[in-house]
């Protein structure tokens, strides 16, 4: 299911699978997803060899009952929250 969700994320050019980043925008998106309350995501960050911090949002696919419908729902929520965030920018 993680690969399926990854394919959904890659289908929308507004999202990256840890690539070039905008940490502040990613942090704001995380806050808005959490405030929305329909799904739960977690965050993490790493430092590149150059010392740059990359902040990212993680979705854990650990439940054996997670299926495409659940992935579709999570992605739908992320897109809706991103759309609201984009309008308010």
N, C-alpha and C. Protein backbone atom coordinates (compact mmCIF):
# COMPACT_ATOMS: atom_id res chain seq x y z
N UNK A 1 0.81 -1.19 0.00
CA UNK A 1 0.00 0.00 0.00
C UNK A 1 0.87 1.26 0.00
N UNK A 2 2.05 1.19 0.59
CA UNK A 2 2.92 2.36 0.60
C UNK A 2 3.29 2.77 -0.83
N UNK A 3 3.58 1.81 -1.68
CA UNK A 3 3.91 2.11 -3.09
C UNK A 3 2.70 2.71 -3.80
N UNK A 4 1.51 2.21 -3.50
CA UNK A 4 0.30 2.76 -4.10
C UNK A 4 0.12 4.22 -3.69
N UNK A 5 0.26 4.50 -2.39
CA UNK A 5 0.13 5.88 -1.91
C UNK A 5 1.21 6.76 -2.54
N UNK A 6 2.41 6.22 -2.65
CA UNK A 6 3.49 6.98 -3.30
C UNK A 6 3.09 7.36 -4.73
N UNK A 7 2.48 6.43 -5.45
CA UNK A 7 2.07 6.73 -6.83
C UNK A 7 1.01 7.83 -6.86
N UNK A 8 0.11 7.84 -5.88
CA UNK A 8 -0.88 8.92 -5.80
C UNK A 8 -0.20 10.26 -5.55
N UNK A 9 0.73 10.28 -4.62
CA UNK A 9 1.43 11.52 -4.28
C UNK A 9 2.21 12.03 -5.49
N UNK A 10 2.89 11.13 -6.19
CA UNK A 10 3.67 11.54 -7.36
C UNK A 10 2.78 12.02 -8.51
N UNK A 11 1.51 11.65 -8.50
CA UNK A 11 0.61 12.06 -9.58
C UNK A 11 0.21 13.53 -9.47
N UNK A 12 0.48 14.16 -8.34
CA UNK A 12 0.17 15.58 -8.13
C UNK A 12 1.49 16.33 -7.99
N UNK A 13 1.78 17.22 -8.91
CA UNK A 13 3.08 17.88 -8.94
C UNK A 13 3.35 18.79 -7.74
N UNK A 14 2.35 19.03 -6.91
CA UNK A 14 2.56 19.87 -5.72
C UNK A 14 3.27 19.13 -4.60
N UNK A 15 3.39 17.81 -4.72
CA UNK A 15 3.98 17.01 -3.66
C UNK A 15 5.28 16.38 -4.14
N UNK A 16 6.19 16.16 -3.21
CA UNK A 16 7.46 15.49 -3.49
C UNK A 16 7.61 14.30 -2.57
N UNK A 17 8.37 13.35 -3.02
CA UNK A 17 8.81 12.27 -2.15
C UNK A 17 10.23 12.66 -1.74
N UNK A 18 10.33 13.41 -0.69
CA UNK A 18 11.57 14.00 -0.17
C UNK A 18 12.52 14.41 -1.29
N UNK A 19 12.20 15.53 -1.85
CA UNK A 19 13.04 16.11 -2.88
C UNK A 19 13.37 17.52 -2.47
N UNK A 20 13.32 18.43 -3.43
CA UNK A 20 13.52 19.82 -3.07
C UNK A 20 12.41 20.21 -2.10
N UNK A 21 12.76 21.06 -1.16
CA UNK A 21 11.79 21.29 -0.09
C UNK A 21 11.54 22.76 0.17
N UNK A 22 10.43 22.98 0.79
CA UNK A 22 10.07 24.27 1.35
C UNK A 22 9.60 23.96 2.76
N UNK A 23 10.51 23.97 3.70
CA UNK A 23 10.21 23.53 5.06
C UNK A 23 9.04 24.28 5.68
N UNK A 24 8.97 25.59 5.49
CA UNK A 24 7.90 26.36 6.12
C UNK A 24 6.54 25.97 5.56
N UNK A 25 6.45 25.78 4.27
CA UNK A 25 5.19 25.37 3.65
C UNK A 25 4.81 23.96 4.10
N UNK A 26 5.79 23.08 4.19
CA UNK A 26 5.53 21.71 4.65
C UNK A 26 5.05 21.71 6.10
N UNK A 27 5.66 22.53 6.94
CA UNK A 27 5.22 22.63 8.34
C UNK A 27 3.80 23.16 8.43
N UNK A 28 3.48 24.16 7.61
CA UNK A 28 2.12 24.71 7.60
C UNK A 28 1.12 23.65 7.13
N UNK A 29 1.47 22.89 6.10
CA UNK A 29 0.60 21.83 5.62
C UNK A 29 0.36 20.80 6.72
N UNK A 30 1.42 20.42 7.42
CA UNK A 30 1.27 19.47 8.53
C UNK A 30 0.29 20.01 9.58
N UNK A 31 0.48 21.26 9.97
CA UNK A 31 -0.41 21.86 10.98
C UNK A 31 -1.87 21.85 10.51
N UNK A 32 -2.08 22.18 9.25
CA UNK A 32 -3.44 22.22 8.71
C UNK A 32 -4.06 20.82 8.63
N UNK A 33 -3.28 19.82 8.27
CA UNK A 33 -3.78 18.44 8.23
C UNK A 33 -4.18 18.00 9.64
N UNK A 34 -3.34 18.30 10.61
CA UNK A 34 -3.65 17.93 12.00
C UNK A 34 -4.88 18.69 12.50
N UNK A 35 -4.97 19.98 12.18
CA UNK A 35 -6.14 20.77 12.60
C UNK A 35 -7.42 20.26 11.95
N UNK A 36 -7.32 19.79 10.72
CA UNK A 36 -8.47 19.24 10.00
C UNK A 36 -9.03 18.02 10.74
N UNK A 37 -8.15 17.17 11.24
CA UNK A 37 -8.55 16.06 12.11
C UNK A 37 -9.05 14.79 11.44
N UNK A 38 -9.14 14.76 10.12
CA UNK A 38 -9.66 13.55 9.48
C UNK A 38 -8.63 12.43 9.36
N UNK A 39 -7.36 12.80 9.27
CA UNK A 39 -6.30 11.79 9.23
C UNK A 39 -5.19 12.25 10.17
N UNK A 40 -4.34 11.31 10.54
CA UNK A 40 -3.20 11.63 11.40
C UNK A 40 -1.92 11.34 10.63
N UNK A 41 -1.03 12.30 10.63
CA UNK A 41 0.28 12.13 10.02
C UNK A 41 1.32 12.51 11.06
N UNK A 42 2.56 12.15 10.80
CA UNK A 42 3.65 12.52 11.70
C UNK A 42 4.72 13.22 10.87
N UNK A 43 5.63 13.86 11.56
CA UNK A 43 6.70 14.57 10.87
C UNK A 43 8.06 14.04 11.31
N UNK A 44 9.02 14.35 10.50
CA UNK A 44 10.41 14.04 10.82
C UNK A 44 11.27 15.03 10.05
N UNK A 45 12.53 15.05 10.36
CA UNK A 45 13.45 15.88 9.59
C UNK A 45 14.81 15.19 9.54
N UNK A 46 15.54 15.50 8.51
CA UNK A 46 16.89 14.99 8.34
C UNK A 46 17.78 16.16 7.93
N UNK A 47 19.05 15.98 8.11
CA UNK A 47 20.02 16.98 7.66
C UNK A 47 20.82 16.39 6.51
N UNK A 48 20.99 17.20 5.49
CA UNK A 48 21.80 16.79 4.35
C UNK A 48 23.27 16.91 4.74
N UNK A 49 24.16 16.32 3.95
CA UNK A 49 25.60 16.49 4.25
C UNK A 49 26.03 17.96 4.28
N UNK A 50 25.29 18.83 3.60
CA UNK A 50 25.60 20.26 3.61
C UNK A 50 25.01 20.97 4.82
N UNK A 51 24.29 20.24 5.68
CA UNK A 51 23.71 20.82 6.87
C UNK A 51 22.31 21.36 6.71
N UNK A 52 21.75 21.23 5.52
CA UNK A 52 20.39 21.71 5.28
C UNK A 52 19.38 20.76 5.91
N UNK A 53 18.41 21.32 6.62
CA UNK A 53 17.34 20.51 7.21
C UNK A 53 16.25 20.29 6.18
N UNK A 54 15.78 19.05 6.08
CA UNK A 54 14.63 18.74 5.25
C UNK A 54 13.55 18.22 6.19
N UNK A 55 12.45 18.96 6.28
CA UNK A 55 11.31 18.63 7.12
C UNK A 55 10.30 17.93 6.23
N UNK A 56 9.77 16.79 6.67
CA UNK A 56 8.82 16.08 5.83
C UNK A 56 7.70 15.47 6.64
N UNK A 57 6.62 15.17 5.93
CA UNK A 57 5.42 14.56 6.51
C UNK A 57 5.46 13.08 6.20
N UNK A 58 5.15 12.28 7.21
CA UNK A 58 5.15 10.83 7.04
C UNK A 58 3.74 10.28 7.25
N UNK A 59 3.42 9.29 6.47
CA UNK A 59 2.17 8.55 6.65
C UNK A 59 2.56 7.10 6.88
N UNK A 60 2.18 6.56 8.02
CA UNK A 60 2.53 5.18 8.35
C UNK A 60 1.46 4.23 7.81
N UNK A 61 1.89 3.27 7.04
CA UNK A 61 0.99 2.24 6.49
C UNK A 61 1.29 0.93 7.22
N UNK A 62 0.94 0.87 8.49
CA UNK A 62 1.32 -0.30 9.29
C UNK A 62 0.18 -1.25 9.60
N UNK A 63 -1.04 -0.81 9.40
CA UNK A 63 -2.19 -1.66 9.69
C UNK A 63 -2.38 -2.65 8.54
N UNK A 64 -2.51 -3.93 8.86
CA UNK A 64 -2.65 -4.94 7.80
C UNK A 64 -3.94 -4.78 7.02
N UNK A 65 -4.88 -4.02 7.55
CA UNK A 65 -6.16 -3.82 6.87
C UNK A 65 -6.18 -2.56 6.00
N UNK A 66 -5.05 -1.84 5.94
CA UNK A 66 -4.98 -0.67 5.07
C UNK A 66 -5.10 -1.13 3.62
N UNK A 67 -6.01 -0.50 2.90
CA UNK A 67 -6.22 -0.89 1.50
C UNK A 67 -6.23 0.36 0.62
N UNK A 68 -6.47 0.17 -0.67
CA UNK A 68 -6.46 1.30 -1.59
C UNK A 68 -7.51 2.34 -1.23
N UNK A 69 -8.64 1.92 -0.74
CA UNK A 69 -9.70 2.87 -0.35
C UNK A 69 -9.21 3.81 0.75
N UNK A 70 -8.50 3.26 1.72
CA UNK A 70 -7.95 4.08 2.81
C UNK A 70 -6.88 5.03 2.27
N UNK A 71 -6.02 4.52 1.38
CA UNK A 71 -5.00 5.38 0.77
C UNK A 71 -5.65 6.50 -0.03
N UNK A 72 -6.68 6.15 -0.80
CA UNK A 72 -7.40 7.17 -1.59
C UNK A 72 -7.99 8.24 -0.68
N UNK A 73 -8.57 7.82 0.44
CA UNK A 73 -9.16 8.77 1.38
C UNK A 73 -8.09 9.69 1.97
N UNK A 74 -6.97 9.12 2.41
CA UNK A 74 -5.89 9.92 2.99
C UNK A 74 -5.38 10.93 1.96
N UNK A 75 -5.18 10.47 0.74
CA UNK A 75 -4.69 11.37 -0.30
C UNK A 75 -5.71 12.46 -0.60
N UNK A 76 -6.99 12.12 -0.62
CA UNK A 76 -8.06 13.10 -0.86
C UNK A 76 -8.02 14.19 0.21
N UNK A 77 -7.84 13.80 1.46
CA UNK A 77 -7.76 14.77 2.55
C UNK A 77 -6.55 15.68 2.37
N UNK A 78 -5.41 15.09 2.04
CA UNK A 78 -4.18 15.88 1.85
C UNK A 78 -4.38 16.88 0.72
N UNK A 79 -4.98 16.45 -0.38
CA UNK A 79 -5.23 17.36 -1.51
C UNK A 79 -6.19 18.47 -1.11
N UNK A 80 -7.27 18.14 -0.41
CA UNK A 80 -8.23 19.17 0.01
C UNK A 80 -7.59 20.20 0.93
N UNK A 81 -6.79 19.74 1.89
CA UNK A 81 -6.13 20.66 2.81
C UNK A 81 -5.11 21.51 2.05
N UNK A 82 -4.39 20.90 1.12
CA UNK A 82 -3.43 21.64 0.30
C UNK A 82 -4.14 22.69 -0.54
N UNK A 83 -5.28 22.34 -1.11
CA UNK A 83 -6.05 23.31 -1.90
C UNK A 83 -6.45 24.51 -1.05
N UNK A 84 -6.93 24.26 0.17
CA UNK A 84 -7.30 25.36 1.07
C UNK A 84 -6.08 26.23 1.39
N UNK A 85 -4.97 25.57 1.65
CA UNK A 85 -3.73 26.27 1.99
C UNK A 85 -3.27 27.12 0.80
N UNK A 86 -3.38 26.58 -0.40
CA UNK A 86 -2.97 27.30 -1.61
C UNK A 86 -3.82 28.54 -1.84
N UNK A 87 -5.11 28.44 -1.58
CA UNK A 87 -6.02 29.57 -1.75
C UNK A 87 -5.68 30.68 -0.77
N UNK A 88 -5.28 30.31 0.44
CA UNK A 88 -4.99 31.29 1.49
C UNK A 88 -3.60 31.89 1.38
N UNK A 89 -2.78 31.42 0.47
CA UNK A 89 -1.41 31.93 0.34
C UNK A 89 -1.37 33.26 -0.37
